């Protein structure tokens, strides 16, 4: 993918974001919180997964998102946990 001339590479939940960041530090990476966890997990599980994703992204050239978007059955409070953790808000 790095040879494709793409400026942003989107990663799924099966990819090791930290390893890709380490191996390709100049790429912009997009990923990767599991939308199934967002739909079925608890507020705290979602917040923890989002914080882990941010840490793996290295704090630079990283777009935090969900692998396939938000399912309409996702509890609002879980999406709220994702957004708050992504923004680095305290108490999440």
PDB file of N, CA and C in Angstrom:
ATOM      1  N   UNK A   1       0.817  -1.207   0.000  1.00  0.00           N
ATOM      2  CA  UNK A   1       0.000   0.000   0.000  1.00  0.00           C
ATOM      3  C   UNK A   1       0.859   1.269   0.000  1.00  0.00           C
ATOM      4  N   UNK A   2       2.005   1.222   0.656  1.00  0.00           N
ATOM      5  CA  UNK A   2       2.827   2.433   0.720  1.00  0.00           C
ATOM      6  C   UNK A   2       3.400   2.804  -0.643  1.00  0.00           C
ATOM      7  N   UNK A   3       3.469   1.869  -1.561  1.00  0.00           N
ATOM      8  CA  UNK A   3       3.982   2.141  -2.899  1.00  0.00           C
ATOM      9  C   UNK A   3       2.893   2.614  -3.856  1.00  0.00           C
ATOM     10  N   UNK A   4       1.671   2.732  -3.389  1.00  0.00           N
ATOM     11  CA  UNK A   4       0.544   3.102  -4.247  1.00  0.00           C
ATOM     12  C   UNK A   4       0.435   4.608  -4.475  1.00  0.00           C
ATOM     13  N   UNK A   5       1.216   5.389  -3.802  1.00  0.00           N
ATOM     14  CA  UNK A   5       1.159   6.862  -3.835  1.00  0.00           C
ATOM     15  C   UNK A   5      -0.028   7.419  -3.066  1.00  0.00           C
ATOM     16  N   UNK A   6      -0.756   6.546  -2.373  1.00  0.00           N
ATOM     17  CA  UNK A   6      -1.857   7.024  -1.532  1.00  0.00           C
ATOM     18  C   UNK A   6      -1.279   7.836  -0.379  1.00  0.00           C
ATOM     19  N   UNK A   7      -1.996   8.865   0.020  1.00  0.00           N
ATOM     20  CA  UNK A   7      -1.544   9.689   1.129  1.00  0.00           C
ATOM     21  C   UNK A   7      -2.127   9.240   2.448  1.00  0.00           C
ATOM     22  N   UNK A   8      -3.236   8.499   2.393  1.00  0.00           N
ATOM     23  CA  UNK A   8      -3.896   7.993   3.598  1.00  0.00           C
ATOM     24  C   UNK A   8      -4.201   6.520   3.379  1.00  0.00           C
ATOM     25  N   UNK A   9      -3.874   5.694   4.367  1.00  0.00           N
ATOM     26  CA  UNK A   9      -4.167   4.268   4.321  1.00  0.00           C
ATOM     27  C   UNK A   9      -5.143   3.961   5.454  1.00  0.00           C
ATOM     28  N   UNK A  10      -6.256   3.339   5.112  1.00  0.00           N
ATOM     29  CA  UNK A  10      -7.257   2.957   6.101  1.00  0.00           C
ATOM     30  C   UNK A  10      -6.991   1.529   6.554  1.00  0.00           C
ATOM     31  N   UNK A  11      -6.960   1.335   7.860  1.00  0.00           N
ATOM     32  CA  UNK A  11      -6.686   0.024   8.435  1.00  0.00           C
ATOM     33  C   UNK A  11      -7.925  -0.532   9.114  1.00  0.00           C
ATOM     34  N   UNK A  12      -8.122  -1.825   8.982  1.00  0.00           N
ATOM     35  CA  UNK A  12      -9.206  -2.499   9.683  1.00  0.00           C
ATOM     36  C   UNK A  12      -8.755  -2.923  11.069  1.00  0.00           C
ATOM     37  N   UNK A  13      -9.647  -3.534  11.790  1.00  0.00           N
ATOM     38  CA  UNK A  13      -9.339  -3.929  13.166  1.00  0.00           C
ATOM     39  C   UNK A  13      -8.349  -5.080  13.238  1.00  0.00           C
ATOM     40  N   UNK A  14      -8.140  -5.782  12.143  1.00  0.00           N
ATOM     41  CA  UNK A  14      -7.181  -6.890  12.142  1.00  0.00           C
ATOM     42  C   UNK A  14      -5.738  -6.421  11.996  1.00  0.00           C
ATOM     43  N   UNK A  15      -5.551  -5.176  11.656  1.00  0.00           N
ATOM     44  CA  UNK A  15      -4.200  -4.645  11.475  1.00  0.00           C
ATOM     45  C   UNK A  15      -3.646  -4.135  12.798  1.00  0.00           C
ATOM     46  N   UNK A  16      -2.352  -4.257  12.955  1.00  0.00           N
ATOM     47  CA  UNK A  16      -1.660  -3.744  14.132  1.00  0.00           C
ATOM     48  C   UNK A  16      -1.250  -2.306  13.839  1.00  0.00           C
ATOM     49  N   UNK A  17      -2.054  -1.378  14.296  1.00  0.00           N
ATOM     50  CA  UNK A  17      -1.839   0.040  14.009  1.00  0.00           C
ATOM     51  C   UNK A  17      -0.466   0.512  14.481  1.00  0.00           C
ATOM     52  N   UNK A  18      -0.046   0.086  15.662  1.00  0.00           N
ATOM     53  CA  UNK A  18       1.251   0.515  16.189  1.00  0.00           C
ATOM     54  C   UNK A  18       2.395   0.014  15.309  1.00  0.00           C
ATOM     55  N   UNK A  19       2.295  -1.213  14.825  1.00  0.00           N
ATOM     56  CA  UNK A  19       3.345  -1.772  13.957  1.00  0.00           C
ATOM     57  C   UNK A  19       3.392  -1.039  12.626  1.00  0.00           C
ATOM     58  N   UNK A  20       2.227  -0.742  12.062  1.00  0.00           N
ATOM     59  CA  UNK A  20       2.191  -0.012  10.793  1.00  0.00           C
ATOM     60  C   UNK A  20       2.754   1.394  10.994  1.00  0.00           C
ATOM     61  N   UNK A  21       2.402   2.037  12.101  1.00  0.00           N
ATOM     62  CA  UNK A  21       2.936   3.372  12.403  1.00  0.00           C
ATOM     63  C   UNK A  21       4.458   3.309  12.497  1.00  0.00           C
ATOM     64  N   UNK A  22       4.976   2.284  13.173  1.00  0.00           N
ATOM     65  CA  UNK A  22       6.423   2.138  13.337  1.00  0.00           C
ATOM     66  C   UNK A  22       7.114   1.914  11.983  1.00  0.00           C
ATOM     67  N   UNK A  23       6.520   1.058  11.150  1.00  0.00           N
ATOM     68  CA  UNK A  23       7.144   0.696   9.877  1.00  0.00           C
ATOM     69  C   UNK A  23       6.973   1.754   8.790  1.00  0.00           C
ATOM     70  N   UNK A  24       5.928   2.560   8.886  1.00  0.00           N
ATOM     71  CA  UNK A  24       5.631   3.575   7.860  1.00  0.00           C
ATOM     72  C   UNK A  24       5.310   4.910   8.536  1.00  0.00           C
ATOM     73  N   UNK A  25       6.289   5.524   9.159  1.00  0.00           N
ATOM     74  CA  UNK A  25       6.030   6.727   9.949  1.00  0.00           C
ATOM     75  C   UNK A  25       5.529   7.923   9.156  1.00  0.00           C
ATOM     76  N   UNK A  26       5.725   7.949   7.858  1.00  0.00           N
ATOM     77  CA  UNK A  26       5.320   9.109   7.067  1.00  0.00           C
ATOM     78  C   UNK A  26       3.913   9.005   6.493  1.00  0.00           C
ATOM     79  N   UNK A  27       3.302   7.820   6.585  1.00  0.00           N
ATOM     80  CA  UNK A  27       1.939   7.658   6.076  1.00  0.00           C
ATOM     81  C   UNK A  27       0.918   8.244   7.038  1.00  0.00           C
ATOM     82  N   UNK A  28      -0.175   8.741   6.494  1.00  0.00           N
ATOM     83  CA  UNK A  28      -1.325   9.091   7.310  1.00  0.00           C
ATOM     84  C   UNK A  28      -2.160   7.820   7.416  1.00  0.00           C
ATOM     85  N   UNK A  29      -2.497   7.442   8.632  1.00  0.00           N
ATOM     86  CA  UNK A  29      -3.255   6.217   8.858  1.00  0.00           C
ATOM     87  C   UNK A  29      -4.642   6.547   9.373  1.00  0.00           C
ATOM     88  N   UNK A  30      -5.601   5.783   8.933  1.00  0.00           N
ATOM     89  CA  UNK A  30      -6.977   5.925   9.400  1.00  0.00           C
ATOM     90  C   UNK A  30      -7.380   4.604  10.031  1.00  0.00           C
ATOM     91  N   UNK A  31      -7.819   4.632  11.259  1.00  0.00           N
ATOM     92  CA  UNK A  31      -8.293   3.421  11.913  1.00  0.00           C
ATOM     93  C   UNK A  31      -8.049   3.509  13.400  1.00  0.00           C
ATOM     94  N   UNK A  32      -8.440   2.541  14.098  1.00  0.00           N
ATOM     95  CA  UNK A  32      -9.292   1.411  13.810  1.00  0.00           C
ATOM     96  C   UNK A  32      -9.952   0.903  15.090  1.00  0.00           C
ATOM     97  N   UNK A  33     -11.034   1.505  15.498  1.00  0.00           N
ATOM     98  CA  UNK A  33     -11.831   1.023  16.626  1.00  0.00           C
ATOM     99  C   UNK A  33     -12.930   0.129  16.052  1.00  0.00           C
ATOM    100  N   UNK A  34     -13.116  -1.018  16.656  1.00  0.00           N
ATOM    101  CA  UNK A  34     -14.071  -2.007  16.171  1.00  0.00           C
ATOM    102  C   UNK A  34     -15.506  -1.522  16.372  1.00  0.00           C
ATOM    103  N   UNK A  35     -16.240  -1.405  15.272  1.00  0.00           N
ATOM    104  CA  UNK A  35     -17.635  -0.953  15.365  1.00  0.00           C
ATOM    105  C   UNK A  35     -18.511  -1.948  16.106  1.00  0.00           C
ATOM    106  N   UNK A  36     -18.136  -3.234  16.120  1.00  0.00           N
ATOM    107  CA  UNK A  36     -18.893  -4.242  16.887  1.00  0.00           C
ATOM    108  C   UNK A  36     -18.762  -3.949  18.378  1.00  0.00           C
ATOM    109  N   UNK A  37     -17.569  -3.588  18.825  1.00  0.00           N
ATOM    110  CA  UNK A  37     -17.373  -3.207  20.226  1.00  0.00           C
ATOM    111  C   UNK A  37     -18.192  -1.967  20.541  1.00  0.00           C
ATOM    112  N   UNK A  38     -18.219  -1.027  19.624  1.00  0.00           N
ATOM    113  CA  UNK A  38     -19.014   0.180  19.835  1.00  0.00           C
ATOM    114  C   UNK A  38     -20.483  -0.169  20.027  1.00  0.00           C
ATOM    115  N   UNK A  39     -20.961  -1.122  19.259  1.00  0.00           N
ATOM    116  CA  UNK A  39     -22.371  -1.515  19.318  1.00  0.00           C
ATOM    117  C   UNK A  39     -22.674  -2.371  20.542  1.00  0.00           C
ATOM    118  N   UNK A  40     -21.759  -3.270  20.915  1.00  0.00           N
ATOM    119  CA  UNK A  40     -22.068  -4.272  21.936  1.00  0.00           C
ATOM    120  C   UNK A  40     -21.330  -4.090  23.256  1.00  0.00           C
ATOM    121  N   UNK A  41     -20.302  -3.246  23.281  1.00  0.00           N
ATOM    122  CA  UNK A  41     -19.509  -3.077  24.492  1.00  0.00           C
ATOM    123  C   UNK A  41     -20.144  -2.103  25.470  1.00  0.00           C
ATOM    124  N   UNK A  42     -19.441  -1.903  26.561  1.00  0.00           N
ATOM    125  CA  UNK A  42     -19.878  -0.925  27.558  1.00  0.00           C
ATOM    126  C   UNK A  42     -19.235   0.427  27.246  1.00  0.00           C
ATOM    127  N   UNK A  43     -19.723   1.450  27.884  1.00  0.00           N
ATOM    128  CA  UNK A  43     -19.166   2.799  27.753  1.00  0.00           C
ATOM    129  C   UNK A  43     -17.663   2.755  28.009  1.00  0.00           C
ATOM    130  N   UNK A  44     -17.253   2.117  29.116  1.00  0.00           N
ATOM    131  CA  UNK A  44     -15.843   2.073  29.485  1.00  0.00           C
ATOM    132  C   UNK A  44     -15.016   1.262  28.490  1.00  0.00           C
ATOM    133  N   UNK A  45     -15.543   0.157  27.990  1.00  0.00           N
ATOM    134  CA  UNK A  45     -14.812  -0.638  26.990  1.00  0.00           C
ATOM    135  C   UNK A  45     -14.566   0.170  25.722  1.00  0.00           C
ATOM    136  N   UNK A  46     -15.567   0.917  25.308  1.00  0.00           N
ATOM    137  CA  UNK A  46     -15.428   1.750  24.110  1.00  0.00           C
ATOM    138  C   UNK A  46     -14.389   2.839  24.351  1.00  0.00           C
ATOM    139  N   UNK A  47     -14.453   3.490  25.502  1.00  0.00           N
ATOM    140  CA  UNK A  47     -13.491   4.546  25.822  1.00  0.00           C
ATOM    141  C   UNK A  47     -12.071   3.983  25.866  1.00  0.00           C
ATOM    142  N   UNK A  48     -11.889   2.819  26.484  1.00  0.00           N
ATOM    143  CA  UNK A  48     -10.557   2.206  26.566  1.00  0.00           C
ATOM    144  C   UNK A  48     -10.040   1.839  25.177  1.00  0.00           C
ATOM    145  N   UNK A  49     -10.886   1.248  24.347  1.00  0.00           N
ATOM    146  CA  UNK A  49     -10.477   0.860  22.988  1.00  0.00           C
ATOM    147  C   UNK A  49     -10.085   2.091  22.173  1.00  0.00           C
ATOM    148  N   UNK A  50     -10.814   3.172  22.358  1.00  0.00           N
ATOM    149  CA  UNK A  50     -10.511   4.407  21.629  1.00  0.00           C
ATOM    150  C   UNK A  50      -9.187   4.989  22.088  1.00  0.00           C
ATOM    151  N   UNK A  51      -8.947   4.983  23.393  1.00  0.00           N
ATOM    152  CA  UNK A  51      -7.670   5.478  23.912  1.00  0.00           C
ATOM    153  C   UNK A  51      -6.503   4.606  23.427  1.00  0.00           C
ATOM    154  N   UNK A  52      -6.700   3.280  23.386  1.00  0.00           N
ATOM    155  CA  UNK A  52      -5.650   2.389  22.870  1.00  0.00           C
ATOM    156  C   UNK A  52      -5.363   2.681  21.401  1.00  0.00           C
ATOM    157  N   UNK A  53      -6.409   2.934  20.638  1.00  0.00           N
ATOM    158  CA  UNK A  53      -6.257   3.254  19.224  1.00  0.00           C
ATOM    159  C   UNK A  53      -5.452   4.544  19.063  1.00  0.00           C
ATOM    160  N   UNK A  54      -5.773   5.542  19.840  1.00  0.00           N
ATOM    161  CA  UNK A  54      -5.039   6.807  19.768  1.00  0.00           C
ATOM    162  C   UNK A  54      -3.571   6.613  20.121  1.00  0.00           C
ATOM    163  N   UNK A  55      -3.304   5.829  21.141  1.00  0.00           N
ATOM    164  CA  UNK A  55      -1.918   5.569  21.547  1.00  0.00           C
ATOM    165  C   UNK A  55      -1.176   4.823  20.445  1.00  0.00           C
ATOM    166  N   UNK A  56      -1.815   3.838  19.841  1.00  0.00           N
ATOM    167  CA  UNK A  56      -1.182   3.061  18.772  1.00  0.00           C
ATOM    168  C   UNK A  56      -0.896   3.930  17.553  1.00  0.00           C
ATOM    169  N   UNK A  57      -1.740   4.925  17.321  1.00  0.00           N
ATOM    170  CA  UNK A  57      -1.546   5.828  16.189  1.00  0.00           C
ATOM    171  C   UNK A  57      -0.376   6.771  16.362  1.00  0.00           C
ATOM    172  N   UNK A  58       0.134   6.862  17.564  1.00  0.00           N
ATOM    173  CA  UNK A  58       1.340   7.643  17.809  1.00  0.00           C
ATOM    174  C   UNK A  58       1.143   9.135  17.959  1.00  0.00           C
ATOM    175  N   UNK A  59      -0.095   9.595  17.949  1.00  0.00           N
ATOM    176  CA  UNK A  59      -0.341  11.013  18.179  1.00  0.00           C
ATOM    177  C   UNK A  59      -0.058  11.920  17.003  1.00  0.00           C
ATOM    178  N   UNK A  60       0.180  11.339  15.842  1.00  0.00           N
ATOM    179  CA  UNK A  60       0.438  12.165  14.666  1.00  0.00           C
ATOM    180  C   UNK A  60       0.015  11.411  13.415  1.00  0.00           C
ATOM    181  N   UNK A  61      -0.411  12.149  12.407  1.00  0.00           N
ATOM    182  CA  UNK A  61      -0.749  11.559  11.103  1.00  0.00           C
ATOM    183  C   UNK A  61      -1.701  10.370  11.267  1.00  0.00           C
ATOM    184  N   UNK A  62      -2.693  10.537  12.144  1.00  0.00           N
ATOM    185  CA  UNK A  62      -3.629   9.457  12.436  1.00  0.00           C
ATOM    186  C   UNK A  62      -5.047  10.011  12.507  1.00  0.00           C
ATOM    187  N   UNK A  63      -5.936   9.406  11.747  1.00  0.00           N
ATOM    188  CA  UNK A  63      -7.358   9.736  11.781  1.00  0.00           C
ATOM    189  C   UNK A  63      -8.043   8.605  12.530  1.00  0.00           C
ATOM    190  N   UNK A  64      -8.536   8.887  13.699  1.00  0.00           N
ATOM    191  CA  UNK A  64      -9.224   7.848  14.470  1.00  0.00           C
ATOM    192  C   UNK A  64     -10.650   7.736  13.945  1.00  0.00           C
ATOM    193  N   UNK A  65     -11.051   6.508  13.652  1.00  0.00           N
ATOM    194  CA  UNK A  65     -12.402   6.286  13.154  1.00  0.00           C
ATOM    195  C   UNK A  65     -12.829   4.872  13.456  1.00  0.00           C
ATOM    196  N   UNK A  66     -13.978   4.493  12.949  1.00  0.00           N
ATOM    197  CA  UNK A  66     -14.493   3.139  13.094  1.00  0.00           C
ATOM    198  C   UNK A  66     -14.237   2.395  11.795  1.00  0.00           C
ATOM    199  N   UNK A  67     -14.055   1.112  11.890  1.00  0.00           N
ATOM    200  CA  UNK A  67     -13.700   0.339  10.697  1.00  0.00           C
ATOM    201  C   UNK A  67     -14.752   0.434   9.602  1.00  0.00           C
ATOM    202  N   UNK A  68     -16.013   0.353   9.951  1.00  0.00           N
ATOM    203  CA  UNK A  68     -17.062   0.359   8.927  1.00  0.00           C
ATOM    204  C   UNK A  68     -18.201   1.320   9.250  1.00  0.00           C
ATOM    205  N   UNK A  69     -18.012   2.204  10.182  1.00  0.00           N
ATOM    206  CA  UNK A  69     -19.058   3.165  10.495  1.00  0.00           C
ATOM    207  C   UNK A  69     -19.880   2.776  11.706  1.00  0.00           C
ATOM    208  N   UNK A  70     -20.957   3.492  11.902  1.00  0.00           N
ATOM    209  CA  UNK A  70     -21.799   3.297  13.082  1.00  0.00           C
ATOM    210  C   UNK A  70     -23.073   2.567  12.681  1.00  0.00           C
ATOM    211  N   UNK A  71     -23.311   1.445  13.307  1.00  0.00           N
ATOM    212  CA  UNK A  71     -24.539   0.681  13.105  1.00  0.00           C
ATOM    213  C   UNK A  71     -25.698   1.423  13.772  1.00  0.00           C
ATOM    214  N   UNK A  72     -26.850   1.382  13.161  1.00  0.00           N
ATOM    215  CA  UNK A  72     -27.994   2.118  13.730  1.00  0.00           C
ATOM    216  C   UNK A  72     -28.430   1.572  15.080  1.00  0.00           C
ATOM    217  N   UNK A  73     -27.997   0.373  15.453  1.00  0.00           N
ATOM    218  CA  UNK A  73     -28.342  -0.203  16.756  1.00  0.00           C
ATOM    219  C   UNK A  73     -27.311   0.123  17.832  1.00  0.00           C
ATOM    220  N   UNK A  74     -26.354   0.968  17.503  1.00  0.00           N
ATOM    221  CA  UNK A  74     -25.329   1.361  18.472  1.00  0.00           C
ATOM    222  C   UNK A  74     -25.944   2.270  19.534  1.00  0.00           C
ATOM    223  N   UNK A  75     -25.753   1.926  20.804  1.00  0.00           N
ATOM    224  CA  UNK A  75     -26.266   2.813  21.860  1.00  0.00           C
ATOM    225  C   UNK A  75     -25.603   4.192  21.786  1.00  0.00           C
ATOM    226  N   UNK A  76     -26.411   5.214  21.938  1.00  0.00           N
ATOM    227  CA  UNK A  76     -25.895   6.580  21.852  1.00  0.00           C
ATOM    228  C   UNK A  76     -24.749   6.803  22.833  1.00  0.00           C
ATOM    229  N   UNK A  77     -24.878   6.281  24.051  1.00  0.00           N
ATOM    230  CA  UNK A  77     -23.846   6.508  25.061  1.00  0.00           C
ATOM    231  C   UNK A  77     -22.504   5.890  24.649  1.00  0.00           C
ATOM    232  N   UNK A  78     -22.524   4.817  23.862  1.00  0.00           N
ATOM    233  CA  UNK A  78     -21.269   4.234  23.400  1.00  0.00           C
ATOM    234  C   UNK A  78     -20.618   5.111  22.335  1.00  0.00           C
ATOM    235  N   UNK A  79     -21.431   5.673  21.445  1.00  0.00           N
ATOM    236  CA  UNK A  79     -20.872   6.596  20.463  1.00  0.00           C
ATOM    237  C   UNK A  79     -20.335   7.832  21.175  1.00  0.00           C
ATOM    238  N   UNK A  80     -21.022   8.258  22.200  1.00  0.00           N
ATOM    239  CA  UNK A  80     -20.558   9.391  23.000  1.00  0.00           C
ATOM    240  C   UNK A  80     -19.202   9.070  23.653  1.00  0.00           C
ATOM    241  N   UNK A  81     -19.021   7.844  24.143  1.00  0.00           N
ATOM    242  CA  UNK A  81     -17.744   7.436  24.739  1.00  0.00           C
ATOM    243  C   UNK A  81     -16.630   7.497  23.702  1.00  0.00           C
ATOM    244  N   UNK A  82     -16.926   7.043  22.483  1.00  0.00           N
ATOM    245  CA  UNK A  82     -15.943   7.081  21.395  1.00  0.00           C
ATOM    246  C   UNK A  82     -15.519   8.524  21.111  1.00  0.00           C
ATOM    247  N   UNK A  83     -16.476   9.400  20.941  1.00  0.00           N
ATOM    248  CA  UNK A  83     -16.179  10.804  20.611  1.00  0.00           C
ATOM    249  C   UNK A  83     -15.422  11.471  21.736  1.00  0.00           C
ATOM    250  N   UNK A  84     -15.882  11.285  22.962  1.00  0.00           N
ATOM    251  CA  UNK A  84     -15.216  11.935  24.099  1.00  0.00           C
ATOM    252  C   UNK A  84     -13.780  11.441  24.265  1.00  0.00           C
ATOM    253  N   UNK A  85     -13.578  10.128  24.128  1.00  0.00           N
ATOM    254  CA  UNK A  85     -12.213   9.582  24.253  1.00  0.00           C
ATOM    255  C   UNK A  85     -11.336  10.062  23.105  1.00  0.00           C
ATOM    256  N   UNK A  86     -11.889  10.135  21.899  1.00  0.00           N
ATOM    257  CA  UNK A  86     -11.128  10.603  20.740  1.00  0.00           C
ATOM    258  C   UNK A  86     -10.694  12.059  20.928  1.00  0.00           C
ATOM    259  N   UNK A  87     -11.537  12.834  21.582  1.00  0.00           N
ATOM    260  CA  UNK A  87     -11.224  14.242  21.839  1.00  0.00           C
ATOM    261  C   UNK A  87     -10.308  14.402  23.044  1.00  0.00           C
ATOM    262  N   UNK A  88     -10.059  13.295  23.768  1.00  0.00           N
ATOM    263  CA  UNK A  88      -9.191  13.355  24.939  1.00  0.00           C
ATOM    264  C   UNK A  88      -9.827  13.985  26.154  1.00  0.00           C
ATOM    265  N   UNK A  89     -11.157  13.944  26.207  1.00  0.00           N
ATOM    266  CA  UNK A  89     -11.861  14.542  27.335  1.00  0.00           C
ATOM    267  C   UNK A  89     -11.638  13.736  28.597  1.00  0.00           C
ATOM    268  N   UNK A  90     -11.491  14.415  29.695  1.00  0.00           N
ATOM    269  CA  UNK A  90     -11.279  13.777  30.994  1.00  0.00           C
ATOM    270  C   UNK A  90     -12.560  13.107  31.478  1.00  0.00           C
ATOM    271  N   UNK A  91     -12.411  12.121  32.322  1.00  0.00           N
ATOM    272  CA  UNK A  91     -13.566  11.446  32.890  1.00  0.00           C
ATOM    273  C   UNK A  91     -14.117  10.348  32.005  1.00  0.00           C
ATOM    274  N   UNK A  92     -13.460  10.105  30.897  1.00  0.00           N
ATOM    275  CA  UNK A  92     -13.917   9.046  29.981  1.00  0.00           C
ATOM    276  C   UNK A  92     -12.904   7.936  30.018  1.00  0.00           C
TER     277      UNK A  92
END
